[in-house]
Amino acid sequence: MASITTADTASLRSSSRSARGDAVFRTLTFIAGAFVFVLLGAIALFLVIKAMPAIKNDPTNFFTTTQWSSSAYGIAATLFGTALTAVLALAIAVPVGVGVALYITQYAPRRIATLLGYVTDMLAAVPSVVYGLWGLIFLLPRMVGIDHFLAKYFGWTGLFHDPAGGLNTFPKTIFSASIVLSIMVLPIIAAISREVFRQVDPVQKEAALALGATRWEMIRTAVLPPSRAGVISATMLGLGRALGETIAVALVIGNVNRVSGHVLVPGGNTIAANIANTFGEAADKGPLIASGLVLFVLTLVVNLAARYVILRAGTEERSAV
């Protein structure tokens, strides 16, 4: 009887220590989570406090003015350039990234898939300034011929229209910046999509193949539908990287504030590139901080929208099951 009592006492002590350990761990994780919100709020508060005077004292409309100078400043042109370069970068990177992920997980032999996965992940480790230098030294001189080709055969779309009529020899355009951005966000999209595709239930894939489906039909019916939320998440993370990229874009874009849907027109600018190019010589940092606040809000809205789409997609998938 005494041995049973001793065992029970030891068990109670162990349970008490476990409970205290759980309470401590729960408190530490709560503090860590709260710190993230406090840090985010502190950044937002700093930006608002520094930006409001500049916005109020702006003699023009800060949100509709395209000019950026010492006498007048506005983010209409840089905001448009930010959105356009990011969307073009995603249009290039998403099909390639998803295709790479599908090849690695569904087609490639194990050794090739492992090697290709390592190479793709290594692209994410390359500093952005290296991408910018590569774009400036290697890519831009070769973009003149590509721009002329696109203008000649796809100018009817309006997007690749060249008002210079093939005489443009200045390759620092929004399209060039979008290509560099697409290469930078490609490893993010490919890596996340690859992991999402690997989580698909193999029973569903085997069932589709057993019913006589081809490899592509199996992917289309058993792999892509349950992976939709994950691919959307990867795309939104890539969009966040593209919206906020600074150095690489600053090196390859034309730094001309212009609102134009023609991506082959020399010039163009983004909010992040404009901050990097003008911060050092700006006497008043307020307008630049105000533009940073707009970029901060834009990124936050994009991420919240992505979370909503992902949650909705997950709810639809659960209801379908």
Protein backbone atom coordinates (compact mmCIF):
# COMPACT_ATOMS: atom_id res chain seq x y z
CA MET A 1 0.00 0.00 0.00
CA ALA A 2 2.87 2.33 0.83
CA SER A 3 4.46 1.68 -2.54
CA ILE A 4 1.21 2.59 -4.28
CA THR A 5 0.97 5.80 -2.29
CA THR A 6 4.54 6.71 -3.16
CA ALA A 7 3.89 6.06 -6.85
CA ASP A 8 0.74 8.15 -6.74
CA THR A 9 2.62 10.97 -5.01
CA ALA A 10 5.38 10.87 -7.64
CA SER A 11 2.76 10.89 -10.39
CA LEU A 12 1.05 13.92 -8.85
CA ARG A 13 4.35 15.76 -8.56
CA SER A 14 5.19 14.95 -12.18
CA SER A 15 1.76 16.16 -13.29
CA SER A 16 2.21 19.35 -11.27
CA ARG A 17 5.59 20.03 -12.85
CA SER A 18 4.13 19.35 -16.30
CA ALA A 19 1.27 21.74 -15.61
CA ARG A 20 3.68 24.46 -14.49
CA GLY A 21 5.85 23.82 -17.54
CA ASP A 22 2.82 24.08 -19.82
CA ALA A 23 1.78 27.33 -18.15
CA VAL A 24 5.25 28.82 -18.56
CA PHE A 25 5.46 27.75 -22.19
CA ARG A 26 1.97 29.09 -22.89
CA THR A 27 2.91 32.43 -21.33
CA LEU A 28 6.14 32.66 -23.34
CA THR A 29 4.37 31.87 -26.61
CA PHE A 30 1.68 34.45 -25.80
CA ILE A 31 4.37 37.08 -25.15
CA ALA A 32 6.08 36.19 -28.43
CA GLY A 33 2.81 36.47 -30.35
CA ALA A 34 1.88 39.73 -28.64
CA PHE A 35 5.34 41.14 -29.39
CA VAL A 36 4.72 40.66 -33.12
CA PHE A 37 1.53 42.72 -32.90
CA VAL A 38 3.22 45.38 -30.77
CA LEU A 39 6.11 45.62 -33.22
CA LEU A 40 3.73 45.88 -36.19
CA GLY A 41 1.71 48.54 -34.40
CA ALA A 42 4.85 50.49 -33.48
CA ILE A 43 6.00 50.53 -37.10
CA ALA A 44 2.58 51.66 -38.28
CA LEU A 45 2.42 54.36 -35.59
CA PHE A 46 5.86 55.68 -36.49
CA LEU A 47 4.96 55.87 -40.17
CA VAL A 48 1.68 57.64 -39.47
CA ILE A 49 3.25 60.21 -37.11
CA LYS A 50 6.04 61.02 -39.57
CA ALA A 51 3.87 60.94 -42.68
CA MET A 52 0.82 62.97 -41.65
CA PRO A 53 2.57 66.39 -41.58
CA ALA A 54 4.01 65.80 -45.05
CA ILE A 55 0.62 64.80 -46.46
CA LYS A 56 -1.18 67.75 -44.85
CA ASN A 57 1.43 70.30 -46.00
CA ASP A 58 1.59 68.98 -49.55
CA PRO A 59 0.46 71.83 -51.86
CA THR A 60 -0.88 69.25 -54.32
CA ASN A 61 -2.84 66.04 -53.83
CA PHE A 62 -0.42 63.43 -52.53
CA PHE A 63 -2.39 60.50 -53.91
CA THR A 64 -3.15 61.82 -57.41
CA THR A 65 -0.05 63.85 -58.31
CA THR A 66 2.47 62.12 -60.56
CA GLN A 67 5.27 64.64 -60.07
CA TRP A 68 7.95 64.14 -57.43
CA SER A 69 10.14 67.17 -56.78
CA SER A 70 11.09 69.56 -54.01
CA SER A 71 8.01 71.70 -54.68
CA ALA A 72 5.40 69.00 -55.26
CA TYR A 73 5.27 65.30 -54.64
CA GLY A 74 2.75 62.55 -55.17
CA ILE A 75 2.66 58.77 -55.40
CA ALA A 76 0.24 58.27 -58.29
CA ALA A 77 2.99 57.32 -60.73
CA THR A 78 5.08 55.27 -58.31
CA LEU A 79 2.03 53.45 -56.94
CA PHE A 80 0.95 52.59 -60.47
CA GLY A 81 4.46 51.40 -61.33
CA THR A 82 4.63 49.30 -58.16
CA ALA A 83 1.37 47.52 -58.96
CA LEU A 84 2.19 47.06 -62.65
CA THR A 85 5.67 45.61 -62.13
CA ALA A 86 4.42 43.26 -59.41
CA VAL A 87 1.51 41.97 -61.51
CA LEU A 88 3.74 41.44 -64.55
CA ALA A 89 6.31 39.65 -62.39
CA LEU A 90 3.64 37.30 -61.07
CA ALA A 91 2.29 36.71 -64.58
CA ILE A 92 5.75 35.47 -65.55
CA ALA A 93 6.76 33.70 -62.33
CA VAL A 94 3.57 31.86 -61.31
CA PRO A 95 3.26 29.58 -64.38
CA VAL A 96 6.98 28.83 -64.30
CA GLY A 97 7.09 28.29 -60.54
CA VAL A 98 4.04 26.02 -60.47
CA GLY A 99 5.39 24.15 -63.50
CA VAL A 100 8.74 23.60 -61.78
CA ALA A 101 6.96 22.37 -58.63
CA LEU A 102 4.81 19.96 -60.65
CA TYR A 103 7.81 18.61 -62.54
CA ILE A 104 9.77 18.04 -59.33
CA THR A 105 6.92 16.30 -57.51
CA GLN A 106 5.14 14.46 -60.33
CA TYR A 107 7.52 13.82 -63.24
CA ALA A 108 11.22 14.07 -62.41
CA PRO A 109 13.26 11.06 -61.23
CA ARG A 110 14.25 11.23 -57.59
CA ARG A 111 17.86 12.36 -58.15
CA ILE A 112 16.94 15.03 -60.67
CA ALA A 113 14.06 16.21 -58.47
CA THR A 114 16.38 16.54 -55.46
CA LEU A 115 19.01 18.44 -57.44
CA LEU A 116 16.47 20.73 -59.07
CA GLY A 117 14.86 21.41 -55.69
CA TYR A 118 18.23 22.44 -54.24
CA VAL A 119 18.96 24.73 -57.19
CA THR A 120 15.55 26.37 -56.93
CA ASP A 121 15.94 26.94 -53.20
CA MET A 122 19.40 28.43 -53.74
CA LEU A 123 17.89 31.16 -55.91
CA ALA A 124 16.11 32.47 -52.82
CA ALA A 125 19.46 32.88 -51.04
CA VAL A 126 20.92 35.21 -53.68
CA PRO A 127 21.00 38.83 -52.39
CA SER A 128 18.73 41.26 -54.20
CA VAL A 129 21.65 43.53 -55.11
CA VAL A 130 23.18 40.63 -57.06
CA TYR A 131 19.96 40.27 -59.04
CA GLY A 132 20.02 43.99 -59.66
CA LEU A 133 23.62 43.96 -60.89
CA TRP A 134 22.90 40.95 -63.10
CA GLY A 135 19.93 42.75 -64.58
CA LEU A 136 21.88 45.97 -65.09
CA ILE A 137 25.00 44.42 -66.64
CA PHE A 138 23.73 41.30 -68.38
CA LEU A 139 19.98 41.59 -68.97
CA LEU A 140 19.44 45.20 -70.02
CA PRO A 141 21.79 45.20 -73.03
CA ARG A 142 19.92 42.16 -74.38
CA MET A 143 16.47 43.61 -73.78
CA VAL A 144 16.57 46.00 -76.74
CA GLY A 145 16.06 43.22 -79.29
CA ILE A 146 13.42 41.54 -77.13
CA ASP A 147 11.55 44.83 -76.73
CA HIS A 148 11.56 45.41 -80.50
CA PHE A 149 10.28 41.87 -81.10
CA LEU A 150 7.43 42.27 -78.61
CA ALA A 151 6.52 45.68 -79.99
CA LYS A 152 6.47 44.36 -83.55
CA TYR A 153 4.38 41.22 -83.01
CA PHE A 154 2.44 42.01 -79.83
CA GLY A 155 2.15 45.77 -79.96
CA TRP A 156 -1.53 45.39 -80.90
CA THR A 157 -2.23 44.39 -77.28
CA GLY A 158 -1.41 47.91 -76.10
CA LEU A 159 0.73 46.54 -73.28
CA PHE A 160 3.75 46.10 -75.56
CA HIS A 161 3.05 49.09 -77.77
CA ASP A 162 6.16 51.14 -78.50
CA PRO A 163 5.35 54.78 -79.28
CA ALA A 164 8.93 55.25 -80.51
CA GLY A 165 8.23 52.91 -83.43
CA GLY A 166 11.20 50.63 -82.84
CA LEU A 167 13.68 53.44 -82.21
CA ASN A 168 13.85 52.83 -78.48
CA THR A 169 17.35 51.84 -77.37
CA PHE A 170 16.87 52.57 -73.66
CA PRO A 171 16.04 49.23 -72.02
CA LYS A 172 15.37 50.56 -68.49
CA THR A 173 11.64 49.91 -68.58
CA ILE A 174 8.93 48.47 -66.36
CA PHE A 175 9.10 45.25 -68.37
CA SER A 176 12.81 44.82 -67.60
CA ALA A 177 12.17 45.38 -63.90
CA SER A 178 9.32 42.84 -64.02
CA ILE A 179 11.61 40.18 -65.48
CA VAL A 180 14.14 40.67 -62.67
CA LEU A 181 11.34 40.58 -60.08
CA SER A 182 9.89 37.41 -61.59
CA ILE A 183 13.24 35.64 -61.18
CA MET A 184 13.41 36.82 -57.57
CA VAL A 185 9.93 35.59 -56.59
CA LEU A 186 10.20 32.36 -58.59
CA PRO A 187 11.95 30.31 -55.84
CA ILE A 188 9.34 31.38 -53.26
CA ILE A 189 6.44 30.26 -55.44
CA ALA A 190 8.18 27.08 -56.56
CA ALA A 191 9.29 26.01 -53.06
CA ILE A 192 5.91 26.51 -51.39
CA SER A 193 3.99 24.96 -54.29
CA ARG A 194 6.35 21.99 -54.22
CA GLU A 195 5.63 21.32 -50.55
CA VAL A 196 1.89 21.75 -51.12
CA PHE A 197 1.88 19.23 -53.97
CA ARG A 198 3.79 16.76 -51.82
CA GLN A 199 1.03 16.87 -49.19
CA VAL A 200 -1.64 15.66 -51.61
CA ASP A 201 -3.11 12.31 -50.55
CA PRO A 202 -1.35 9.65 -52.66
CA VAL A 203 -4.49 7.52 -52.53
CA GLN A 204 -6.31 10.09 -54.66
CA LYS A 205 -3.53 10.10 -57.25
CA GLU A 206 -3.36 6.31 -57.37
CA ALA A 207 -7.14 6.10 -57.68
CA ALA A 208 -7.13 8.50 -60.65
CA LEU A 209 -4.39 6.50 -62.39
CA ALA A 210 -6.19 3.24 -61.64
CA LEU A 211 -9.30 4.58 -63.36
CA GLY A 212 -7.29 5.11 -66.54
CA ALA A 213 -6.38 8.79 -66.21
CA THR A 214 -3.23 10.03 -67.86
CA ARG A 215 -0.54 11.72 -65.77
CA TRP A 216 -1.81 15.18 -66.71
CA GLU A 217 -5.44 14.20 -66.03
CA MET A 218 -4.37 12.88 -62.63
CA ILE A 219 -2.64 16.18 -61.87
CA ARG A 220 -5.61 18.20 -63.08
CA THR A 221 -8.19 16.26 -61.06
CA ALA A 222 -6.32 14.96 -57.99
CA VAL A 223 -3.39 17.32 -57.39
CA LEU A 224 -4.35 20.85 -58.39
CA PRO A 225 -7.83 21.17 -56.80
CA PRO A 226 -6.78 20.35 -53.20
CA SER A 227 -3.62 22.46 -53.65
CA ARG A 228 -5.42 25.63 -54.72
CA ALA A 229 -5.20 27.35 -51.33
CA GLY A 230 -1.50 26.59 -51.03
CA VAL A 231 -0.71 27.86 -54.51
CA ILE A 232 -2.64 31.06 -53.78
CA SER A 233 -0.64 31.48 -50.58
CA ALA A 234 2.62 31.04 -52.50
CA THR A 235 1.48 33.57 -55.09
CA MET A 236 0.59 36.14 -52.44
CA LEU A 237 3.95 35.71 -50.71
CA GLY A 238 5.61 36.28 -54.06
CA LEU A 239 3.45 39.37 -54.57
CA GLY A 240 4.56 40.74 -51.21
CA ARG A 241 8.20 40.25 -52.19
CA ALA A 242 7.62 41.92 -55.54
CA LEU A 243 5.80 44.92 -54.05
CA GLY A 244 8.52 45.72 -51.55
CA GLU A 245 11.67 44.94 -53.52
CA THR A 246 13.98 47.96 -53.59
CA ILE A 247 17.60 47.65 -54.69
CA ALA A 248 17.15 45.32 -57.67
CA VAL A 249 14.32 47.43 -59.09
CA ALA A 250 16.18 50.69 -58.44
CA LEU A 251 19.09 49.44 -60.55
CA VAL A 252 17.09 48.35 -63.60
CA ILE A 253 14.10 50.70 -63.74
CA GLY A 254 14.16 54.09 -65.44
CA ASN A 255 13.35 56.26 -62.38
CA VAL A 256 10.88 58.39 -64.36
CA ASN A 257 7.50 59.12 -62.80
CA ARG A 258 5.01 58.27 -65.50
CA VAL A 259 1.58 56.63 -65.54
CA SER A 260 1.49 54.55 -68.70
CA GLY A 261 0.17 51.12 -69.55
CA HIS A 262 2.94 50.68 -72.15
CA VAL A 263 5.57 48.61 -70.40
CA LEU A 264 8.19 49.12 -73.13
CA VAL A 265 8.22 52.90 -72.72
CA PRO A 266 11.55 54.09 -71.27
CA GLY A 267 11.15 55.02 -67.66
CA GLY A 268 8.82 53.99 -64.89
CA ASN A 269 9.25 53.92 -61.15
CA THR A 270 8.06 52.17 -58.01
CA ILE A 271 7.56 53.36 -54.45
CA ALA A 272 10.46 51.34 -53.05
CA ALA A 273 12.83 52.33 -55.86
CA ASN A 274 11.88 55.99 -55.52
CA ILE A 275 12.65 55.90 -51.79
CA ALA A 276 16.03 54.29 -52.43
CA ASN A 277 16.98 56.72 -55.20
CA THR A 278 15.92 59.96 -53.49
CA PHE A 279 16.31 59.33 -49.76
CA GLY A 280 19.96 60.39 -49.57
CA GLU A 281 19.48 63.79 -51.21
CA ALA A 282 16.04 64.61 -49.84
CA ALA A 283 16.02 67.53 -47.42
CA ASP A 284 12.58 66.57 -46.12
CA LYS A 285 12.15 62.86 -45.44
CA GLY A 286 8.45 63.23 -44.66
CA PRO A 287 7.11 62.64 -48.19
CA LEU A 288 9.28 59.55 -48.57
CA ILE A 289 8.06 58.20 -45.25
CA ALA A 290 4.50 58.93 -46.38
CA SER A 291 5.06 56.89 -49.52
CA GLY A 292 6.49 54.14 -47.34
CA LEU A 293 3.29 54.22 -45.30
CA VAL A 294 1.26 53.71 -48.47
CA LEU A 295 3.43 50.73 -49.41
CA PHE A 296 3.05 49.35 -45.88
CA VAL A 297 -0.76 49.60 -46.09
CA LEU A 298 -0.77 48.12 -49.59
CA THR A 299 1.25 45.11 -48.49
CA LEU A 300 -0.96 44.64 -45.43
CA VAL A 301 -4.13 44.75 -47.53
CA VAL A 302 -2.70 42.24 -50.00
CA ASN A 303 -1.83 39.81 -47.21
CA LEU A 304 -5.24 40.18 -45.56
CA ALA A 305 -6.93 39.57 -48.91
CA ALA A 306 -4.76 36.50 -49.41
CA ARG A 307 -5.75 35.14 -46.00
CA TYR A 308 -9.41 35.64 -46.84
CA VAL A 309 -9.05 33.82 -50.16
CA ILE A 310 -7.16 30.95 -48.52
CA LEU A 311 -9.71 30.57 -45.71
CA ARG A 312 -12.56 30.68 -48.19
CA ALA A 313 -10.90 28.09 -50.41
CA GLY A 314 -10.33 25.83 -47.39
CA THR A 315 -13.96 26.20 -46.32
CA GLU A 316 -15.20 25.30 -49.81
CA GLU A 317 -12.96 22.22 -49.90
CA ARG A 318 -14.21 21.01 -46.49
CA SER A 319 -17.83 21.56 -47.47
CA ALA A 320 -17.27 19.67 -50.73
CA VAL A 321 -15.93 16.71 -48.77
